[in-house]
Amino acid sequence: MAEYICLLNKDTIIIKPAKKTPILLRMIVLVFAMVCGVFMCSVCLKQTSIHSKIKFHDIQVVVRLSPDDDNENLQISRVHYPNPETFSRAECEHNPVRYFAILSMQRSGSGWFETLLNSHVNVSSNGEIFSVLDRRRNISSITQTLDKVYNLDWFSSASKNECSAAVGFKWMLNQVIVVEKVYGTILDPNETIRNKLFIQSGYMGVMQHHKEISDYFNRRGVFAIFLFRRNLLRRMVSVLANSYDRHAKLLNGTHKSHVHSTEEAKTLARYKPMINSTLLISDLKEVEITATKALEYFNSTRHIVLYYEDLIKNPAKLKDVQAFLGLPSMELMSRQVKIHKGPLSDHVKNWEDVNKTLNGTAYESFLQADY
């Protein structure tokens, strides 16, 4: 289609379009717009799909800072000057204190990690305070307990009282009402006693009241420390073995969840649990889902994500934790001794069934890892 240009004078140009409507040009523009729209929709759908398929063992978050962390007023809220009712902070009353909570699951290294933190002269981590049902019966009892801890009015063997620079506790994500589930079969060494393992199902605590607790953490400036275990199969073995010893009391009639000598560790490691291979994959997925949900629930808080295996292999990562809490760096130590060392095949009664079940699945790597 042609266009006619008429030159009337040196300053005026008139362009006369063709009389016919440029249908072809309009069609080209329309097709281009449609292609762009389809492309943009596909990109958005792809990103949504990727987000929905995140798995627990792929999470690589290290530290999440609030977008306003550079705001001076918000930084002030991250440190506190408690005025406890039960004692006087004396000369330390002007020393700032940070609040923290360790969010983890049983047999994920949280006890060992807490002893490391408590070896710091300025840290008071008060243990699993919400193991007592009345303290987590409802959100009111939970906040009352939290207030008492963060006001330094909670006393435990870990309390540093006057000169604490960081105070907190550990909270189990899967801390719930106890019901029966065939998670595995507990066998004694002679295979003469068979009991079902009682595990916990049905949230009652941090996961049930996650919105209110997340709001509390943000309002009070609580630092969340997530501690997970990458090898969930090893965690399962530890859960089963610990549950068995709670009844068997292998150490001179005493149950110990954690030990401080290689002899005690070897005694407990002699017991080999039998894992329910039929439910194995679904049980592993359940733990992954719990951890992923917890990260989503507390995504708005200031938090750090740690893995037990990473801390074992690289103790220098403990410096990152101290920096996260604003503590002077110290060498942290623990007297606890690892119980289940070496290949997992040495610690599982029906290893062939477990190996066959996990081979070729997303959890195959759990069969080989040392930790």
Foldseek 3Di string as FASTA:
>chain_A
DDWDWDDPDPVDIDIGDDPDDPVVVVVVVVVVVVVVVVVVVVVVVVVVVVVVPDWLLVDDFFWDDAPCCVPPVLVVLQWDQAQAPPDGLPPLSPQTAGEAEEEEAPQQCPVVVVQLQLQDLQEAAAEAVPLDPQCQVDVVSVVVVVVCQVNLNDDDPSRNPNRHRYTYYYYYLQRAAKDFDQQFWFADPVRPDTDGQIDHDDDGGCLVPLQVVLVVCSVNNYEYEYEGASLVVVSSLLVNLLSNCVPVVQPVNHRDSWDQDQVVLASSQQGATAGDLVCVVVVVRVVRVSVVSSCVSNVNHTYGYYYPVVCVVPVVCVVVVCVSSPHDDDRGDDSTDHRDFDFCVSRHPPVVSNQVSCPPHPNNVSRPDGD
